[in-house]
């Protein structure tokens, strides 16, 4: 495992079928890379949940398990210079589905009283809580692209 000129140490790119088995595969890839980057047990758990929630959203809500639609998945570990000049590890995950897309503002608030007992709807809240950066944007020509980023100070 060597470091490239742009600070990237590890990268995995996959084009996955829209199955729940591939949710497990993506989580395993991310956990393996995050562990090798030195993230602690608590962060590994949080990163795993965030990736699992994002992948389930792509497979179930985005692609609706369609055999004709894929999930584009990538994870990379790189080293960046922090504001104070101290380098930090950056774990970035990009998950793209080929569905109809959605806007976060259309998702019901999971903390609203009428939604508290629902069996689903808390994934986006968990992802935001567990990652340092979380963005949702439209994918061209269609679908949704989510980017998850977690930082760790280098020791």
Foldseek 3Di string as FASTA:
>chain_A
DDADPVFWDDKDKDKAQLDLVVLVVLLVVLLVVVVVQPDDPVLNVLVSLLSSLVSCCQSCVFVVNDRVKIKIKMWIWGWDQDPVRFIKIKIKIKIKIAGADDDPVPQDDCPPPVNVPPPDRCNVVSQPVSFPDWDWDADPPGTIMIMGMHIGGDD
